[in-house]
């Protein structure tokens, strides 16, 4: 018979044991985390205060920035603490909570990206009806659905995950609590839970990606019918920022589900994990800011107000 022990904490193995590499990783993650939080908070502030940024596109962008802050904050600060103190332990309840939050925020981002692609479809393909179709009430309901669906989807697998039993091993080969390393060290029968996770992940990926692809197919067809090159460039510019963010998000997710050799699987997952949890949330505010004239104008106005405030 197997010896079951009540696990009260896990050990997060991290990325490397090399002290010099740990210092470099700490500096890199601290900088990217600070830029991510500041950048996304700036977008939230701009879309709340500027009267020109009150359309559906910026309501979605504000909520996407909030999700990015929540997602990266659920992962990076705990790892930075571990790198600083050398304490790799995390309580069982803390680990389960981290898994739930990371997955919930991640799923909500995919549904929100799908909603944003539909918004771009309406803006370009049905511009005369845009304000009617994408009213503030409709946007709020879509955002609410994105958040709610993500939490509801996670309830069944999380309920099963809380019933997992563990033997002598409590070391997770990752820098955050993730479903895959937890399932690997469990001595329970994880067949049902593993397949539930795979089915949910694939369904979420396919449904949201299908919405994005269909939206952009109609967008491309509409843009190509525009008579002037200037109109085409303006339309492409409107969608370019969202398309870049979609490519990064879905590309990272697809890489995670590529099955390499068993030896390289966790190394790849941890590498992609760094990209998803730190680099991507940092890049997204810059992508939207640098490629959006309205956001750049609102940012310049905000800076001028801040500079002139002490003089007044």
C-alpha atoms as a PDB file:
ATOM      1  CA  UNK A   1       0.000   0.000   0.000  1.00  0.00           C
ATOM      2  CA  UNK A   2       1.134   3.527  -0.742  1.00  0.00           C
ATOM      3  CA  UNK A   3       2.078   5.784   2.112  1.00  0.00           C
ATOM      4  CA  UNK A   4      -0.169   8.898   1.852  1.00  0.00           C
ATOM      5  CA  UNK A   5       0.920  12.023   3.716  1.00  0.00           C
ATOM      6  CA  UNK A   6      -1.054  15.184   4.292  1.00  0.00           C
ATOM      7  CA  UNK A   7       0.849  17.786   2.284  1.00  0.00           C
ATOM      8  CA  UNK A   8       0.839  21.162   4.058  1.00  0.00           C
ATOM      9  CA  UNK A   9       3.266  22.879   1.696  1.00  0.00           C
ATOM     10  CA  UNK A  10       5.011  22.544  -1.647  1.00  0.00           C
ATOM     11  CA  UNK A  11       8.536  23.443  -2.756  1.00  0.00           C
ATOM     12  CA  UNK A  12       8.771  25.460  -5.966  1.00  0.00           C
ATOM     13  CA  UNK A  13      11.982  24.364  -7.684  1.00  0.00           C
ATOM     14  CA  UNK A  14      12.270  27.603  -9.672  1.00  0.00           C
ATOM     15  CA  UNK A  15      14.292  28.138 -12.838  1.00  0.00           C
ATOM     16  CA  UNK A  16      17.915  27.558 -11.797  1.00  0.00           C
ATOM     17  CA  UNK A  17      20.193  26.951  -8.807  1.00  0.00           C
ATOM     18  CA  UNK A  18      22.973  29.177 -10.184  1.00  0.00           C
ATOM     19  CA  UNK A  19      23.241  32.238  -7.837  1.00  0.00           C
ATOM     20  CA  UNK A  20      24.454  34.560 -10.614  1.00  0.00           C
ATOM     21  CA  UNK A  21      21.624  33.505 -12.920  1.00  0.00           C
ATOM     22  CA  UNK A  22      19.150  34.026 -10.069  1.00  0.00           C
ATOM     23  CA  UNK A  23      20.343  37.632  -9.687  1.00  0.00           C
ATOM     24  CA  UNK A  24      19.912  38.263 -13.429  1.00  0.00           C
ATOM     25  CA  UNK A  25      16.472  36.627 -13.407  1.00  0.00           C
ATOM     26  CA  UNK A  26      15.446  38.710 -10.383  1.00  0.00           C
ATOM     27  CA  UNK A  27      16.526  41.987 -12.033  1.00  0.00           C
ATOM     28  CA  UNK A  28      14.827  41.042 -15.315  1.00  0.00           C
ATOM     29  CA  UNK A  29      11.544  40.006 -13.665  1.00  0.00           C
ATOM     30  CA  UNK A  30      11.500  43.023 -11.336  1.00  0.00           C
ATOM     31  CA  UNK A  31      11.945  45.444 -14.255  1.00  0.00           C
ATOM     32  CA  UNK A  32       9.365  43.701 -16.463  1.00  0.00           C
ATOM     33  CA  UNK A  33       6.877  43.476 -13.568  1.00  0.00           C
ATOM     34  CA  UNK A  34       7.220  47.163 -12.696  1.00  0.00           C
ATOM     35  CA  UNK A  35       6.894  48.195 -16.363  1.00  0.00           C
ATOM     36  CA  UNK A  36       3.876  45.923 -16.736  1.00  0.00           C
ATOM     37  CA  UNK A  37       2.059  47.326 -13.701  1.00  0.00           C
ATOM     38  CA  UNK A  38       2.911  50.964 -14.500  1.00  0.00           C
ATOM     39  CA  UNK A  39       2.056  50.559 -18.198  1.00  0.00           C
ATOM     40  CA  UNK A  40      -1.269  48.836 -17.624  1.00  0.00           C
ATOM     41  CA  UNK A  41      -2.227  51.221 -14.800  1.00  0.00           C
ATOM     42  CA  UNK A  42      -1.503  54.118 -17.163  1.00  0.00           C
ATOM     43  CA  UNK A  43      -3.885  52.659 -19.755  1.00  0.00           C
ATOM     44  CA  UNK A  44      -6.568  52.165 -17.086  1.00  0.00           C
ATOM     45  CA  UNK A  45      -6.123  55.759 -15.901  1.00  0.00           C
ATOM     46  CA  UNK A  46      -6.211  57.170 -19.448  1.00  0.00           C
ATOM     47  CA  UNK A  47      -9.344  55.245 -20.438  1.00  0.00           C
ATOM     48  CA  UNK A  48     -11.091  56.338 -17.234  1.00  0.00           C
ATOM     49  CA  UNK A  49     -10.236  60.043 -17.389  1.00  0.00           C
ATOM     50  CA  UNK A  50     -10.080  60.963 -21.081  1.00  0.00           C
ATOM     51  CA  UNK A  51     -13.550  61.666 -22.586  1.00  0.00           C
ATOM     52  CA  UNK A  52     -12.353  60.575 -26.049  1.00  0.00           C
ATOM     53  CA  UNK A  53     -11.513  57.078 -24.765  1.00  0.00           C
ATOM     54  CA  UNK A  54     -14.998  56.030 -23.656  1.00  0.00           C
ATOM     55  CA  UNK A  55     -15.909  53.794 -26.615  1.00  0.00           C
ATOM     56  CA  UNK A  56     -16.275  50.005 -26.488  1.00  0.00           C
ATOM     57  CA  UNK A  57     -12.711  49.450 -27.709  1.00  0.00           C
ATOM     58  CA  UNK A  58     -11.247  51.265 -24.715  1.00  0.00           C
ATOM     59  CA  UNK A  59     -13.654  49.701 -22.226  1.00  0.00           C
ATOM     60  CA  UNK A  60     -12.344  46.311 -23.350  1.00  0.00           C
ATOM     61  CA  UNK A  61      -8.759  47.603 -23.308  1.00  0.00           C
ATOM     62  CA  UNK A  62      -9.197  48.890 -19.736  1.00  0.00           C
ATOM     63  CA  UNK A  63     -10.451  45.508 -18.561  1.00  0.00           C
ATOM     64  CA  UNK A  64      -7.705  43.714 -20.485  1.00  0.00           C
ATOM     65  CA  UNK A  65      -5.110  45.864 -18.697  1.00  0.00           C
ATOM     66  CA  UNK A  66      -6.740  45.034 -15.357  1.00  0.00           C
ATOM     67  CA  UNK A  67      -6.537  41.332 -16.227  1.00  0.00           C
ATOM     68  CA  UNK A  68      -2.871  41.688 -17.204  1.00  0.00           C
ATOM     69  CA  UNK A  69      -2.029  43.307 -13.848  1.00  0.00           C
ATOM     70  CA  UNK A  70      -3.981  40.628 -11.966  1.00  0.00           C
ATOM     71  CA  UNK A  71      -2.413  37.788 -13.962  1.00  0.00           C
ATOM     72  CA  UNK A  72       1.212  38.879 -13.591  1.00  0.00           C
ATOM     73  CA  UNK A  73       0.666  39.813  -9.905  1.00  0.00           C
ATOM     74  CA  UNK A  74      -0.586  36.305  -9.198  1.00  0.00           C
ATOM     75  CA  UNK A  75       2.737  34.871 -10.442  1.00  0.00           C
ATOM     76  CA  UNK A  76       5.727  37.198 -10.304  1.00  0.00           C
ATOM     77  CA  UNK A  77       5.765  38.787  -6.775  1.00  0.00           C
ATOM     78  CA  UNK A  78       5.811  35.349  -5.105  1.00  0.00           C
ATOM     79  CA  UNK A  79       8.720  34.242  -7.304  1.00  0.00           C
ATOM     80  CA  UNK A  80      10.603  37.501  -6.656  1.00  0.00           C
ATOM     81  CA  UNK A  81      10.173  36.871  -2.916  1.00  0.00           C
ATOM     82  CA  UNK A  82      11.573  33.361  -3.384  1.00  0.00           C
ATOM     83  CA  UNK A  83      14.603  34.689  -5.310  1.00  0.00           C
ATOM     84  CA  UNK A  84      15.248  37.344  -2.647  1.00  0.00           C
ATOM     85  CA  UNK A  85      14.910  35.182   0.480  1.00  0.00           C
ATOM     86  CA  UNK A  86      15.740  31.741  -0.874  1.00  0.00           C
ATOM     87  CA  UNK A  87      12.459  30.462   0.582  1.00  0.00           C
ATOM     88  CA  UNK A  88      11.005  28.146  -2.044  1.00  0.00           C
ATOM     89  CA  UNK A  89       8.135  26.839   0.057  1.00  0.00           C
ATOM     90  CA  UNK A  90       4.489  27.708  -0.503  1.00  0.00           C
ATOM     91  CA  UNK A  91       1.545  26.502   1.569  1.00  0.00           C
ATOM     92  CA  UNK A  92      -0.919  24.023   0.109  1.00  0.00           C
ATOM     93  CA  UNK A  93      -3.774  26.555   0.267  1.00  0.00           C
ATOM     94  CA  UNK A  94      -1.545  29.268  -1.207  1.00  0.00           C
ATOM     95  CA  UNK A  95      -0.556  26.972  -4.080  1.00  0.00           C
ATOM     96  CA  UNK A  96      -4.155  25.995  -4.877  1.00  0.00           C
ATOM     97  CA  UNK A  97      -5.184  29.646  -4.732  1.00  0.00           C
ATOM     98  CA  UNK A  98      -2.369  30.594  -7.131  1.00  0.00           C
ATOM     99  CA  UNK A  99      -3.378  27.871  -9.603  1.00  0.00           C
ATOM    100  CA  UNK A 100      -6.990  29.059  -9.516  1.00  0.00           C
ATOM    101  CA  UNK A 101      -6.157  32.752  -9.987  1.00  0.00           C
ATOM    102  CA  UNK A 102      -3.590  32.206 -12.754  1.00  0.00           C
ATOM    103  CA  UNK A 103      -5.961  29.976 -14.722  1.00  0.00           C
ATOM    104  CA  UNK A 104      -9.017  32.191 -14.097  1.00  0.00           C
ATOM    105  CA  UNK A 105      -7.276  35.374 -15.256  1.00  0.00           C
ATOM    106  CA  UNK A 106      -5.708  33.552 -18.219  1.00  0.00           C
ATOM    107  CA  UNK A 107      -9.036  32.119 -19.416  1.00  0.00           C
ATOM    108  CA  UNK A 108     -10.754  35.492 -18.988  1.00  0.00           C
ATOM    109  CA  UNK A 109      -8.064  37.087 -21.198  1.00  0.00           C
ATOM    110  CA  UNK A 110      -8.813  34.701 -24.059  1.00  0.00           C
ATOM    111  CA  UNK A 111     -12.549  35.394 -23.896  1.00  0.00           C
ATOM    112  CA  UNK A 112     -11.868  39.127 -23.691  1.00  0.00           C
ATOM    113  CA  UNK A 113      -9.571  38.948 -26.740  1.00  0.00           C
ATOM    114  CA  UNK A 114     -12.433  37.256 -28.601  1.00  0.00           C
ATOM    115  CA  UNK A 115     -14.817  40.033 -27.515  1.00  0.00           C
ATOM    116  CA  UNK A 116     -12.278  42.649 -28.645  1.00  0.00           C
ATOM    117  CA  UNK A 117     -11.999  40.991 -32.060  1.00  0.00           C
ATOM    118  CA  UNK A 118     -15.802  41.133 -32.394  1.00  0.00           C
ATOM    119  CA  UNK A 119     -15.637  44.827 -31.472  1.00  0.00           C
ATOM    120  CA  UNK A 120     -13.107  45.427 -34.274  1.00  0.00           C
ATOM    121  CA  UNK A 121     -15.367  43.496 -36.672  1.00  0.00           C
ATOM    122  CA  UNK A 122     -18.341  45.737 -35.848  1.00  0.00           C
ATOM    123  CA  UNK A 123     -16.198  48.902 -36.053  1.00  0.00           C
ATOM    124  CA  UNK A 124     -14.911  48.118 -39.565  1.00  0.00           C
ATOM    125  CA  UNK A 125     -17.694  46.034 -41.122  1.00  0.00           C
ATOM    126  CA  UNK A 126     -20.704  47.833 -39.588  1.00  0.00           C
ATOM    127  CA  UNK A 127     -19.438  51.344 -38.767  1.00  0.00           C
ATOM    128  CA  UNK A 128     -22.830  53.051 -39.064  1.00  0.00           C
ATOM    129  CA  UNK A 129     -24.345  50.749 -36.424  1.00  0.00           C
ATOM    130  CA  UNK A 130     -21.263  50.618 -34.168  1.00  0.00           C
ATOM    131  CA  UNK A 131     -22.569  52.814 -31.343  1.00  0.00           C
ATOM    132  CA  UNK A 132     -25.867  50.912 -31.296  1.00  0.00           C
ATOM    133  CA  UNK A 133     -24.419  47.395 -31.397  1.00  0.00           C
ATOM    134  CA  UNK A 134     -21.471  48.081 -29.060  1.00  0.00           C
ATOM    135  CA  UNK A 135     -23.236  50.237 -26.489  1.00  0.00           C
ATOM    136  CA  UNK A 136     -21.827  50.669 -22.983  1.00  0.00           C
ATOM    137  CA  UNK A 137     -24.429  48.248 -21.630  1.00  0.00           C
ATOM    138  CA  UNK A 138     -23.466  45.557 -24.157  1.00  0.00           C
ATOM    139  CA  UNK A 139     -19.759  46.043 -23.369  1.00  0.00           C
ATOM    140  CA  UNK A 140     -20.349  45.712 -19.634  1.00  0.00           C
ATOM    141  CA  UNK A 141     -22.311  42.504 -20.168  1.00  0.00           C
ATOM    142  CA  UNK A 142     -19.590  41.047 -22.400  1.00  0.00           C
ATOM    143  CA  UNK A 143     -16.896  41.885 -19.861  1.00  0.00           C
ATOM    144  CA  UNK A 144     -19.001  40.417 -17.039  1.00  0.00           C
ATOM    145  CA  UNK A 145     -19.502  37.229 -19.074  1.00  0.00           C
ATOM    146  CA  UNK A 146     -15.745  36.933 -19.729  1.00  0.00           C
ATOM    147  CA  UNK A 147     -14.975  37.087 -16.000  1.00  0.00           C
ATOM    148  CA  UNK A 148     -17.887  34.858 -14.949  1.00  0.00           C
ATOM    149  CA  UNK A 149     -17.350  32.122 -17.562  1.00  0.00           C
ATOM    150  CA  UNK A 150     -13.665  31.819 -16.632  1.00  0.00           C
ATOM    151  CA  UNK A 151     -14.471  31.206 -12.961  1.00  0.00           C
ATOM    152  CA  UNK A 152     -17.316  28.779 -13.764  1.00  0.00           C
ATOM    153  CA  UNK A 153     -15.141  26.737 -16.135  1.00  0.00           C
ATOM    154  CA  UNK A 154     -12.537  26.260 -13.395  1.00  0.00           C
ATOM    155  CA  UNK A 155     -14.906  25.057 -10.681  1.00  0.00           C
ATOM    156  CA  UNK A 156     -15.083  21.353 -11.750  1.00  0.00           C
ATOM    157  CA  UNK A 157     -11.310  20.781 -12.240  1.00  0.00           C
ATOM    158  CA  UNK A 158     -10.417  22.772  -9.112  1.00  0.00           C
ATOM    159  CA  UNK A 159     -12.935  20.740  -7.070  1.00  0.00           C
ATOM    160  CA  UNK A 160     -11.290  17.519  -8.267  1.00  0.00           C
ATOM    161  CA  UNK A 161      -7.813  18.979  -7.750  1.00  0.00           C
ATOM    162  CA  UNK A 162      -8.509  19.678  -4.085  1.00  0.00           C
ATOM    163  CA  UNK A 163      -9.125  15.937  -3.586  1.00  0.00           C
ATOM    164  CA  UNK A 164      -5.710  14.894  -4.905  1.00  0.00           C
ATOM    165  CA  UNK A 165      -3.490  12.851  -2.601  1.00  0.00           C
ATOM    166  CA  UNK A 166       0.301  13.104  -2.430  1.00  0.00           C
ATOM    167  CA  UNK A 167       2.937  10.653  -1.293  1.00  0.00           C
ATOM    168  CA  UNK A 168       6.454  11.636  -0.211  1.00  0.00           C
ATOM    169  CA  UNK A 169       7.138  14.131  -3.017  1.00  0.00           C
ATOM    170  CA  UNK A 170       6.137  17.793  -2.628  1.00  0.00           C
ATOM    171  CA  UNK A 171       8.658  19.372  -5.055  1.00  0.00           C
ATOM    172  CA  UNK A 172       7.085  21.167  -8.045  1.00  0.00           C
ATOM    173  CA  UNK A 173       9.391  21.572 -11.045  1.00  0.00           C
ATOM    174  CA  UNK A 174       8.230  25.116 -11.834  1.00  0.00           C
ATOM    175  CA  UNK A 175       8.543  28.687 -10.561  1.00  0.00           C
ATOM    176  CA  UNK A 176       4.773  28.970  -9.975  1.00  0.00           C
ATOM    177  CA  UNK A 177       2.082  26.527  -8.925  1.00  0.00           C
ATOM    178  CA  UNK A 178       0.828  25.007 -12.159  1.00  0.00           C
ATOM    179  CA  UNK A 179      -1.548  22.139 -12.887  1.00  0.00           C
ATOM    180  CA  UNK A 180       0.966  19.974 -14.797  1.00  0.00           C
ATOM    181  CA  UNK A 181       3.700  19.684 -12.118  1.00  0.00           C
ATOM    182  CA  UNK A 182       1.047  19.188  -9.398  1.00  0.00           C
ATOM    183  CA  UNK A 183      -0.540  16.325 -11.331  1.00  0.00           C
ATOM    184  CA  UNK A 184       2.896  14.781 -11.921  1.00  0.00           C
ATOM    185  CA  UNK A 185       3.700  14.397  -8.213  1.00  0.00           C
ATOM    186  CA  UNK A 186       0.234  13.261  -7.146  1.00  0.00           C
ATOM    187  CA  UNK A 187      -0.200   9.573  -6.308  1.00  0.00           C
ATOM    188  CA  UNK A 188      -3.959   9.721  -6.974  1.00  0.00           C
ATOM    189  CA  UNK A 189      -5.530   8.547 -10.206  1.00  0.00           C
ATOM    190  CA  UNK A 190      -5.340  11.763 -12.245  1.00  0.00           C
ATOM    191  CA  UNK A 191      -6.739  10.382 -15.537  1.00  0.00           C
ATOM    192  CA  UNK A 192     -10.114  12.136 -15.221  1.00  0.00           C
ATOM    193  CA  UNK A 193      -8.599  15.433 -14.069  1.00  0.00           C
ATOM    194  CA  UNK A 194      -5.899  15.446 -16.764  1.00  0.00           C
ATOM    195  CA  UNK A 195      -8.434  14.807 -19.515  1.00  0.00           C
ATOM    196  CA  UNK A 196     -10.804  17.403 -18.067  1.00  0.00           C
ATOM    197  CA  UNK A 197      -7.993  19.989 -18.129  1.00  0.00           C
ATOM    198  CA  UNK A 198      -7.072  19.075 -21.717  1.00  0.00           C
ATOM    199  CA  UNK A 199     -10.695  19.167 -22.933  1.00  0.00           C
ATOM    200  CA  UNK A 200     -11.390  22.516 -21.221  1.00  0.00           C
ATOM    201  CA  UNK A 201      -8.151  24.035 -22.543  1.00  0.00           C
ATOM    202  CA  UNK A 202      -8.742  22.863 -26.111  1.00  0.00           C
ATOM    203  CA  UNK A 203     -12.382  23.995 -26.106  1.00  0.00           C
ATOM    204  CA  UNK A 204     -11.478  27.440 -24.754  1.00  0.00           C
ATOM    205  CA  UNK A 205      -8.652  27.790 -27.270  1.00  0.00           C
ATOM    206  CA  UNK A 206     -10.741  26.618 -30.249  1.00  0.00           C
ATOM    207  CA  UNK A 207     -13.886  28.618 -29.395  1.00  0.00           C
ATOM    208  CA  UNK A 208     -12.093  31.899 -28.752  1.00  0.00           C
ATOM    209  CA  UNK A 209      -9.652  31.436 -31.639  1.00  0.00           C
ATOM    210  CA  UNK A 210     -12.548  30.622 -33.969  1.00  0.00           C
ATOM    211  CA  UNK A 211     -14.231  33.871 -32.973  1.00  0.00           C
ATOM    212  CA  UNK A 212     -11.004  35.799 -33.593  1.00  0.00           C
ATOM    213  CA  UNK A 213     -10.309  34.129 -36.956  1.00  0.00           C
ATOM    214  CA  UNK A 214     -13.862  34.611 -38.234  1.00  0.00           C
ATOM    215  CA  UNK A 215     -13.850  38.258 -37.149  1.00  0.00           C
ATOM    216  CA  UNK A 216     -10.581  38.941 -38.962  1.00  0.00           C
ATOM    217  CA  UNK A 217     -11.705  37.073 -42.065  1.00  0.00           C
ATOM    218  CA  UNK A 218     -14.702  39.406 -42.369  1.00  0.00           C
ATOM    219  CA  UNK A 219     -12.489  42.389 -41.488  1.00  0.00           C
ATOM    220  CA  UNK A 220      -9.968  41.521 -44.198  1.00  0.00           C
ATOM    221  CA  UNK A 221     -12.705  41.015 -46.773  1.00  0.00           C
ATOM    222  CA  UNK A 222     -14.203  44.414 -45.910  1.00  0.00           C
ATOM    223  CA  UNK A 223     -10.847  46.232 -45.910  1.00  0.00           C
ATOM    224  CA  UNK A 224      -9.878  44.846 -49.323  1.00  0.00           C
ATOM    225  CA  UNK A 225     -13.076  46.355 -50.742  1.00  0.00           C
ATOM    226  CA  UNK A 226     -12.131  49.868 -49.639  1.00  0.00           C
ATOM    227  CA  UNK A 227     -11.482  52.087 -52.687  1.00  0.00           C
ATOM    228  CA  UNK A 228      -8.483  54.062 -51.432  1.00  0.00           C
ATOM    229  CA  UNK A 229      -5.138  52.915 -50.040  1.00  0.00           C
ATOM    230  CA  UNK A 230      -5.450  55.493 -47.232  1.00  0.00           C
ATOM    231  CA  UNK A 231      -8.689  53.927 -46.004  1.00  0.00           C
ATOM    232  CA  UNK A 232      -7.103  50.488 -46.084  1.00  0.00           C
ATOM    233  CA  UNK A 233      -4.060  51.656 -44.096  1.00  0.00           C
ATOM    234  CA  UNK A 234      -6.267  53.357 -41.499  1.00  0.00           C
ATOM    235  CA  UNK A 235      -8.373  50.215 -41.077  1.00  0.00           C
ATOM    236  CA  UNK A 236      -5.288  47.992 -40.802  1.00  0.00           C
ATOM    237  CA  UNK A 237      -3.829  50.377 -38.216  1.00  0.00           C
ATOM    238  CA  UNK A 238      -7.025  50.138 -36.143  1.00  0.00           C
ATOM    239  CA  UNK A 239      -6.688  46.347 -35.918  1.00  0.00           C
ATOM    240  CA  UNK A 240      -2.907  45.962 -35.847  1.00  0.00           C
ATOM    241  CA  UNK A 241      -2.400  46.389 -32.088  1.00  0.00           C
ATOM    242  CA  UNK A 242      -5.083  43.859 -31.200  1.00  0.00           C
ATOM    243  CA  UNK A 243      -3.804  41.417 -33.817  1.00  0.00           C
ATOM    244  CA  UNK A 244      -0.245  41.572 -32.408  1.00  0.00           C
ATOM    245  CA  UNK A 245      -1.498  40.929 -28.851  1.00  0.00           C
ATOM    246  CA  UNK A 246      -3.665  38.039 -30.104  1.00  0.00           C
ATOM    247  CA  UNK A 247      -0.668  36.508 -31.900  1.00  0.00           C
ATOM    248  CA  UNK A 248       1.504  36.690 -28.763  1.00  0.00           C
ATOM    249  CA  UNK A 249      -1.215  35.267 -26.480  1.00  0.00           C
ATOM    250  CA  UNK A 250      -2.294  32.373 -28.706  1.00  0.00           C
ATOM    251  CA  UNK A 251       1.237  31.657 -29.871  1.00  0.00           C
ATOM    252  CA  UNK A 252       2.444  31.248 -26.281  1.00  0.00           C
ATOM    253  CA  UNK A 253      -0.497  29.018 -25.416  1.00  0.00           C
ATOM    254  CA  UNK A 254       0.032  26.771 -28.438  1.00  0.00           C
ATOM    255  CA  UNK A 255       3.711  26.342 -27.522  1.00  0.00           C
ATOM    256  CA  UNK A 256       2.715  25.079 -24.063  1.00  0.00           C
ATOM    257  CA  UNK A 257       0.615  22.314 -25.603  1.00  0.00           C
ATOM    258  CA  UNK A 258       3.343  21.164 -28.007  1.00  0.00           C
ATOM    259  CA  UNK A 259       4.544  17.857 -26.591  1.00  0.00           C
ATOM    260  CA  UNK A 260       8.358  17.730 -26.695  1.00  0.00           C
ATOM    261  CA  UNK A 261      10.452  14.960 -25.183  1.00  0.00           C
ATOM    262  CA  UNK A 262       9.780  14.284 -21.506  1.00  0.00           C
ATOM    263  CA  UNK A 263      13.191  15.726 -20.625  1.00  0.00           C
ATOM    264  CA  UNK A 264      12.541  19.073 -22.304  1.00  0.00           C
ATOM    265  CA  UNK A 265       8.820  19.428 -21.555  1.00  0.00           C
ATOM    266  CA  UNK A 266       9.078  21.296 -18.227  1.00  0.00           C
ATOM    267  CA  UNK A 267      12.027  23.408 -19.453  1.00  0.00           C
ATOM    268  CA  UNK A 268       9.928  24.573 -22.397  1.00  0.00           C
ATOM    269  CA  UNK A 269       6.878  25.178 -20.187  1.00  0.00           C
ATOM    270  CA  UNK A 270       8.911  27.254 -17.732  1.00  0.00           C
ATOM    271  CA  UNK A 271      10.445  29.286 -20.559  1.00  0.00           C
ATOM    272  CA  UNK A 272       7.037  29.979 -22.095  1.00  0.00           C
ATOM    273  CA  UNK A 273       5.736  30.652 -18.567  1.00  0.00           C
ATOM    274  CA  UNK A 274       8.235  33.509 -18.191  1.00  0.00           C
ATOM    275  CA  UNK A 275       7.116  34.916 -21.552  1.00  0.00           C
ATOM    276  CA  UNK A 276       3.409  34.699 -20.650  1.00  0.00           C
ATOM    277  CA  UNK A 277       3.615  35.941 -17.054  1.00  0.00           C
ATOM    278  CA  UNK A 278       6.158  38.760 -17.370  1.00  0.00           C
ATOM    279  CA  UNK A 279       7.148  39.728 -20.928  1.00  0.00           C
ATOM    280  CA  UNK A 280       3.691  39.662 -22.546  1.00  0.00           C
ATOM    281  CA  UNK A 281       1.953  41.820 -19.864  1.00  0.00           C
ATOM    282  CA  UNK A 282       4.832  44.308 -20.166  1.00  0.00           C
ATOM    283  CA  UNK A 283       4.683  44.530 -23.973  1.00  0.00           C
ATOM    284  CA  UNK A 284       0.919  44.887 -24.362  1.00  0.00           C
ATOM    285  CA  UNK A 285       0.635  48.474 -23.003  1.00  0.00           C
ATOM    286  CA  UNK A 286       3.462  49.603 -25.311  1.00  0.00           C
ATOM    287  CA  UNK A 287       1.875  47.847 -28.306  1.00  0.00           C
ATOM    288  CA  UNK A 288      -1.450  49.599 -27.756  1.00  0.00           C
ATOM    289  CA  UNK A 289       0.131  52.951 -26.879  1.00  0.00           C
ATOM    290  CA  UNK A 290       2.707  53.191 -29.660  1.00  0.00           C
ATOM    291  CA  UNK A 291       0.259  52.146 -32.381  1.00  0.00           C
ATOM    292  CA  UNK A 292      -2.762  54.163 -31.252  1.00  0.00           C
ATOM    293  CA  UNK A 293      -2.894  57.913 -31.885  1.00  0.00           C
ATOM    294  CA  UNK A 294      -5.814  58.510 -29.496  1.00  0.00           C
ATOM    295  CA  UNK A 295      -4.032  56.802 -26.596  1.00  0.00           C
ATOM    296  CA  UNK A 296      -0.801  58.699 -27.386  1.00  0.00           C
ATOM    297  CA  UNK A 297      -2.708  61.990 -27.450  1.00  0.00           C
ATOM    298  CA  UNK A 298      -4.459  61.185 -24.149  1.00  0.00           C
ATOM    299  CA  UNK A 299      -1.079  60.262 -22.618  1.00  0.00           C
ATOM    300  CA  UNK A 300       0.487  63.563 -23.742  1.00  0.00           C
ATOM    301  CA  UNK A 301      -2.463  65.503 -22.289  1.00  0.00           C
ATOM    302  CA  UNK A 302      -2.118  63.636 -18.991  1.00  0.00           C
ATOM    303  CA  UNK A 303       1.633  64.359 -18.803  1.00  0.00           C
ATOM    304  CA  UNK A 304       1.014  68.067 -19.469  1.00  0.00           C
ATOM    305  CA  UNK A 305      -1.565  68.155 -16.687  1.00  0.00           C
ATOM    306  CA  UNK A 306       0.853  66.503 -14.260  1.00  0.00           C
ATOM    307  CA  UNK A 307       3.683  68.900 -15.227  1.00  0.00           C
ATOM    308  CA  UNK A 308       1.483  71.991 -14.934  1.00  0.00           C
ATOM    309  CA  UNK A 309      -0.234  70.885 -11.709  1.00  0.00           C
ATOM    310  CA  UNK A 310       2.512  72.108  -9.271  1.00  0.00           C
ATOM    311  CA  UNK A 311       2.579  75.515 -10.981  1.00  0.00           C
ATOM    312  CA  UNK A 312      -1.187  75.911 -10.537  1.00  0.00           C
END
